[in-house]
Amino acid sequence: PRFAMRATSRLKVQLSWGTSQTICQTENISAHGMLIKTDHTYPIGTQMSFELTMSGDNNPVRGFAVVVRHTMEKRERVTGVAVRFSSFDGDDKKRFETLLAKIVK
């Protein structure tokens, strides 16, 4: 399930023409990925590193994600991309799951 959550996310994207870094906001999040509000149109399959700052923890969750689709503005009312988490740094996956469980309650 997805949960509406506005959180700051820092993205570092490696593209064929160079590296892009941006700060953006999530629209929703799940255990498997997040919808990111951004004006950048990253191609599907783009890999990126992320730092996600969630309420209840001052240390950002870090990892890697892959763009799986672009938003449909009429349906989601936001411009952005959906990403699937591919890996997390260190014990950040466990910490992320714990923080997400607190949101669900």
N, C-alpha and C. Protein backbone atom coordinates (compact mmCIF):
# COMPACT_ATOMS: atom_id res chain seq x y z
N PRO A 1 0.82 -1.20 0.00
CA PRO A 1 0.00 0.00 0.00
C PRO A 1 0.86 1.26 0.00
N ARG A 2 0.33 2.30 -0.59
CA ARG A 2 1.02 3.59 -0.62
C ARG A 2 0.44 4.49 0.46
N PHE A 3 1.29 5.35 0.99
CA PHE A 3 0.87 6.28 2.01
C PHE A 3 1.25 7.68 1.59
N ALA A 4 0.30 8.60 1.70
CA ALA A 4 0.61 9.99 1.39
C ALA A 4 1.66 10.46 2.38
N MET A 5 2.74 10.97 1.87
CA MET A 5 3.80 11.45 2.74
C MET A 5 4.62 12.49 2.00
N ARG A 6 4.72 13.65 2.58
CA ARG A 6 5.55 14.71 2.03
C ARG A 6 6.86 14.70 2.80
N ALA A 7 7.93 14.35 2.12
CA ALA A 7 9.24 14.29 2.75
C ALA A 7 10.27 14.83 1.77
N THR A 8 11.32 15.39 2.29
CA THR A 8 12.39 15.90 1.46
C THR A 8 13.26 14.75 0.98
N SER A 9 13.57 14.77 -0.30
CA SER A 9 14.44 13.75 -0.88
C SER A 9 15.50 14.43 -1.73
N ARG A 10 16.72 14.02 -1.55
CA ARG A 10 17.83 14.52 -2.36
C ARG A 10 18.19 13.42 -3.35
N LEU A 11 18.21 13.76 -4.62
CA LEU A 11 18.51 12.78 -5.66
C LEU A 11 19.82 13.11 -6.34
N LYS A 12 20.58 12.08 -6.63
CA LYS A 12 21.78 12.21 -7.45
C LYS A 12 21.61 11.24 -8.60
N VAL A 13 21.51 11.80 -9.80
CA VAL A 13 21.18 11.00 -10.98
C VAL A 13 22.35 11.02 -11.95
N GLN A 14 22.77 9.84 -12.38
CA GLN A 14 23.84 9.73 -13.39
C GLN A 14 23.18 9.51 -14.74
N LEU A 15 23.32 10.49 -15.62
CA LEU A 15 22.77 10.41 -16.96
C LEU A 15 23.90 10.36 -17.97
N SER A 16 23.59 10.04 -19.20
CA SER A 16 24.65 9.90 -20.21
C SER A 16 25.42 11.20 -20.41
N TRP A 17 24.78 12.33 -20.16
CA TRP A 17 25.45 13.61 -20.37
C TRP A 17 26.01 14.21 -19.09
N GLY A 18 25.92 13.49 -17.98
CA GLY A 18 26.52 13.97 -16.74
C GLY A 18 25.67 13.64 -15.53
N THR A 19 26.12 14.13 -14.39
CA THR A 19 25.44 13.89 -13.12
C THR A 19 24.57 15.08 -12.76
N SER A 20 23.37 14.78 -12.30
CA SER A 20 22.43 15.81 -11.89
C SER A 20 22.10 15.60 -10.42
N GLN A 21 22.07 16.69 -9.65
CA GLN A 21 21.66 16.60 -8.25
C GLN A 21 20.50 17.55 -8.04
N THR A 22 19.50 17.10 -7.31
CA THR A 22 18.34 17.94 -7.06
C THR A 22 17.71 17.59 -5.72
N ILE A 23 17.03 18.54 -5.15
CA ILE A 23 16.25 18.31 -3.93
C ILE A 23 14.79 18.40 -4.33
N CYS A 24 13.99 17.43 -3.92
CA CYS A 24 12.59 17.41 -4.30
C CYS A 24 11.76 16.91 -3.12
N GLN A 25 10.49 16.65 -3.38
CA GLN A 25 9.57 16.22 -2.34
C GLN A 25 8.82 14.97 -2.79
N THR A 26 8.58 14.07 -1.86
CA THR A 26 7.78 12.89 -2.18
C THR A 26 6.30 13.26 -2.10
N GLU A 27 5.49 12.57 -2.87
CA GLU A 27 4.04 12.70 -2.80
C GLU A 27 3.46 11.52 -2.02
N ASN A 28 3.98 10.34 -2.30
CA ASN A 28 3.59 9.16 -1.53
C ASN A 28 4.75 8.19 -1.51
N ILE A 29 4.61 7.21 -0.63
CA ILE A 29 5.72 6.28 -0.41
C ILE A 29 5.14 4.92 -0.04
N SER A 30 5.88 3.88 -0.38
CA SER A 30 5.51 2.52 0.02
C SER A 30 6.79 1.79 0.39
N ALA A 31 6.65 0.54 0.78
CA ALA A 31 7.83 -0.25 1.13
C ALA A 31 8.72 -0.50 -0.07
N HIS A 32 8.16 -0.36 -1.28
CA HIS A 32 8.90 -0.70 -2.48
C HIS A 32 9.37 0.50 -3.31
N GLY A 33 8.84 1.69 -3.03
CA GLY A 33 9.23 2.85 -3.82
C GLY A 33 8.53 4.11 -3.38
N MET A 34 8.68 5.16 -4.20
CA MET A 34 8.07 6.44 -3.87
C MET A 34 7.73 7.21 -5.14
N LEU A 35 6.76 8.10 -5.02
CA LEU A 35 6.40 9.01 -6.09
C LEU A 35 7.03 10.35 -5.75
N ILE A 36 7.86 10.84 -6.65
CA ILE A 36 8.63 12.06 -6.40
C ILE A 36 8.10 13.18 -7.28
N LYS A 37 7.80 14.30 -6.64
CA LYS A 37 7.37 15.50 -7.37
C LYS A 37 8.60 16.20 -7.92
N THR A 38 8.69 16.28 -9.25
CA THR A 38 9.83 16.94 -9.89
C THR A 38 9.46 17.36 -11.31
N ASP A 39 10.05 18.43 -11.76
CA ASP A 39 9.86 18.89 -13.14
C ASP A 39 10.83 18.21 -14.09
N HIS A 40 11.80 17.48 -13.56
CA HIS A 40 12.77 16.78 -14.40
C HIS A 40 12.12 15.51 -14.97
N THR A 41 12.32 15.28 -16.24
CA THR A 41 11.76 14.08 -16.87
C THR A 41 12.87 13.07 -17.10
N TYR A 42 13.14 12.29 -16.07
CA TYR A 42 14.16 11.26 -16.18
C TYR A 42 13.61 10.08 -16.98
N PRO A 43 14.40 9.53 -17.88
CA PRO A 43 13.93 8.38 -18.66
C PRO A 43 13.65 7.16 -17.77
N ILE A 44 12.68 6.36 -18.16
CA ILE A 44 12.40 5.12 -17.45
C ILE A 44 13.65 4.26 -17.49
N GLY A 45 13.99 3.67 -16.36
CA GLY A 45 15.21 2.87 -16.25
C GLY A 45 16.38 3.65 -15.66
N THR A 46 16.23 4.97 -15.50
CA THR A 46 17.29 5.79 -14.92
C THR A 46 17.55 5.36 -13.48
N GLN A 47 18.81 5.15 -13.15
CA GLN A 47 19.19 4.80 -11.79
C GLN A 47 19.62 6.06 -11.06
N MET A 48 19.28 6.11 -9.79
CA MET A 48 19.64 7.29 -8.99
C MET A 48 19.91 6.88 -7.56
N SER A 49 20.76 7.65 -6.92
CA SER A 49 20.92 7.48 -5.48
C SER A 49 19.96 8.47 -4.82
N PHE A 50 19.51 8.15 -3.63
CA PHE A 50 18.59 9.04 -2.93
C PHE A 50 18.95 9.14 -1.46
N GLU A 51 18.57 10.26 -0.87
CA GLU A 51 18.60 10.48 0.57
C GLU A 51 17.22 10.96 0.93
N LEU A 52 16.54 10.23 1.76
CA LEU A 52 15.16 10.52 2.12
C LEU A 52 15.09 10.86 3.60
N THR A 53 14.65 12.07 3.90
CA THR A 53 14.53 12.51 5.29
C THR A 53 13.09 12.31 5.72
N MET A 54 12.90 11.42 6.69
CA MET A 54 11.55 11.09 7.17
C MET A 54 11.35 11.65 8.57
N SER A 55 10.09 12.00 8.88
CA SER A 55 9.81 12.52 10.21
C SER A 55 10.11 11.44 11.25
N GLY A 56 10.61 11.87 12.37
CA GLY A 56 10.94 10.93 13.44
C GLY A 56 12.39 10.49 13.42
N ASP A 57 13.16 10.94 12.41
CA ASP A 57 14.56 10.55 12.32
C ASP A 57 15.33 11.66 11.60
N ASN A 58 16.36 12.16 12.24
CA ASN A 58 17.15 13.24 11.64
C ASN A 58 18.15 12.74 10.61
N ASN A 59 18.46 11.45 10.63
CA ASN A 59 19.41 10.89 9.67
C ASN A 59 18.65 10.43 8.43
N PRO A 60 19.06 10.88 7.24
CA PRO A 60 18.35 10.45 6.04
C PRO A 60 18.58 8.97 5.74
N VAL A 61 17.55 8.35 5.17
CA VAL A 61 17.65 6.99 4.67
C VAL A 61 18.31 7.09 3.30
N ARG A 62 19.33 6.29 3.06
CA ARG A 62 20.08 6.37 1.80
C ARG A 62 19.98 5.05 1.04
N GLY A 63 20.00 5.19 -0.28
CA GLY A 63 19.97 4.00 -1.11
C GLY A 63 19.95 4.34 -2.58
N PHE A 64 19.50 3.37 -3.37
CA PHE A 64 19.43 3.53 -4.82
C PHE A 64 18.03 3.15 -5.29
N ALA A 65 17.59 3.80 -6.37
CA ALA A 65 16.26 3.55 -6.92
C ALA A 65 16.33 3.64 -8.44
N VAL A 66 15.29 3.11 -9.08
CA VAL A 66 15.20 3.11 -10.54
C VAL A 66 13.86 3.73 -10.94
N VAL A 67 13.86 4.62 -11.92
CA VAL A 67 12.62 5.22 -12.42
C VAL A 67 11.83 4.14 -13.15
N VAL A 68 10.57 3.93 -12.74
CA VAL A 68 9.73 2.90 -13.36
C VAL A 68 8.58 3.48 -14.18
N ARG A 69 8.22 4.74 -13.91
CA ARG A 69 7.17 5.37 -14.72
C ARG A 69 7.14 6.87 -14.46
N HIS A 70 6.47 7.58 -15.38
CA HIS A 70 6.22 9.01 -15.23
C HIS A 70 4.79 9.18 -14.73
N THR A 71 4.54 10.26 -14.02
CA THR A 71 3.19 10.48 -13.49
C THR A 71 2.21 10.78 -14.62
N MET A 72 0.95 10.53 -14.33
CA MET A 72 -0.14 10.89 -15.21
C MET A 72 -0.85 12.05 -14.53
N GLU A 73 -0.58 13.28 -15.00
CA GLU A 73 -1.03 14.47 -14.29
C GLU A 73 -2.52 14.51 -14.00
N LYS A 74 -3.35 14.01 -14.90
CA LYS A 74 -4.80 14.04 -14.66
C LYS A 74 -5.17 13.13 -13.49
N ARG A 75 -4.46 12.02 -13.33
CA ARG A 75 -4.76 11.07 -12.27
C ARG A 75 -4.10 11.47 -10.95
N GLU A 76 -2.84 11.86 -11.01
CA GLU A 76 -2.10 12.11 -9.77
C GLU A 76 -1.99 13.58 -9.41
N ARG A 77 -2.33 14.46 -10.34
CA ARG A 77 -2.31 15.91 -10.11
C ARG A 77 -0.95 16.43 -9.68
N VAL A 78 0.08 15.78 -10.18
CA VAL A 78 1.45 16.19 -9.87
C VAL A 78 2.35 15.76 -11.02
N THR A 79 3.38 16.54 -11.27
CA THR A 79 4.38 16.17 -12.27
C THR A 79 5.54 15.50 -11.54
N GLY A 80 5.94 14.32 -12.02
CA GLY A 80 7.03 13.64 -11.35
C GLY A 80 7.29 12.26 -11.90
N VAL A 81 8.00 11.48 -11.10
CA VAL A 81 8.35 10.12 -11.47
C VAL A 81 8.13 9.17 -10.29
N ALA A 82 7.82 7.93 -10.64
CA ALA A 82 7.72 6.87 -9.64
C ALA A 82 9.03 6.08 -9.71
N VAL A 83 9.61 5.82 -8.55
CA VAL A 83 10.85 5.05 -8.50
C VAL A 83 10.64 3.82 -7.63
N ARG A 84 11.35 2.76 -7.97
CA ARG A 84 11.35 1.51 -7.20
C ARG A 84 12.70 1.44 -6.49
N PHE A 85 12.67 1.17 -5.20
CA PHE A 85 13.92 1.02 -4.46
C PHE A 85 14.65 -0.22 -4.97
N SER A 86 15.94 -0.08 -5.22
CA SER A 86 16.73 -1.24 -5.65
C SER A 86 17.69 -1.71 -4.56
N SER A 87 18.14 -0.80 -3.71
CA SER A 87 19.00 -1.18 -2.58
C SER A 87 19.06 -0.03 -1.59
N PHE A 88 19.51 -0.37 -0.38
CA PHE A 88 19.68 0.62 0.68
C PHE A 88 21.10 0.52 1.21
N ASP A 89 21.59 1.62 1.74
CA ASP A 89 22.92 1.63 2.36
C ASP A 89 22.84 1.00 3.75
N GLY A 90 23.84 0.20 4.08
CA GLY A 90 23.96 -0.38 5.43
C GLY A 90 22.67 -0.94 5.98
N ASP A 91 22.29 -0.47 7.19
CA ASP A 91 21.05 -0.94 7.83
C ASP A 91 19.87 -0.01 7.56
N ASP A 92 19.99 0.84 6.52
CA ASP A 92 18.93 1.82 6.24
C ASP A 92 17.62 1.18 5.83
N LYS A 93 17.63 -0.01 5.23
CA LYS A 93 16.38 -0.66 4.86
C LYS A 93 15.57 -0.99 6.11
N LYS A 94 16.21 -1.53 7.11
CA LYS A 94 15.52 -1.88 8.36
C LYS A 94 15.00 -0.61 9.04
N ARG A 95 15.82 0.43 9.05
CA ARG A 95 15.41 1.70 9.66
C ARG A 95 14.23 2.30 8.89
N PHE A 96 14.28 2.24 7.55
CA PHE A 96 13.20 2.73 6.71
C PHE A 96 11.90 1.98 7.01
N GLU A 97 11.96 0.67 7.09
CA GLU A 97 10.77 -0.14 7.37
C GLU A 97 10.19 0.20 8.74
N THR A 98 11.05 0.45 9.72
CA THR A 98 10.59 0.83 11.05
C THR A 98 9.89 2.19 11.02
N LEU A 99 10.49 3.15 10.32
CA LEU A 99 9.87 4.49 10.21
C LEU A 99 8.56 4.42 9.45
N LEU A 100 8.51 3.63 8.40
CA LEU A 100 7.28 3.48 7.61
C LEU A 100 6.18 2.84 8.45
N ALA A 101 6.53 1.87 9.26
CA ALA A 101 5.53 1.21 10.13
C ALA A 101 4.92 2.20 11.10
N LYS A 102 5.69 3.19 11.56
CA LYS A 102 5.16 4.21 12.47
C LYS A 102 4.14 5.10 11.76
N ILE A 103 4.33 5.33 10.47
CA ILE A 103 3.40 6.15 9.70
C ILE A 103 2.06 5.44 9.53
N VAL A 104 2.13 4.13 9.35
CA VAL A 104 0.94 3.31 9.11
C VAL A 104 0.02 3.32 10.33
N LYS A 105 0.59 3.35 11.51
CA LYS A 105 -0.20 3.25 12.76
C LYS A 105 -1.05 4.47 12.99
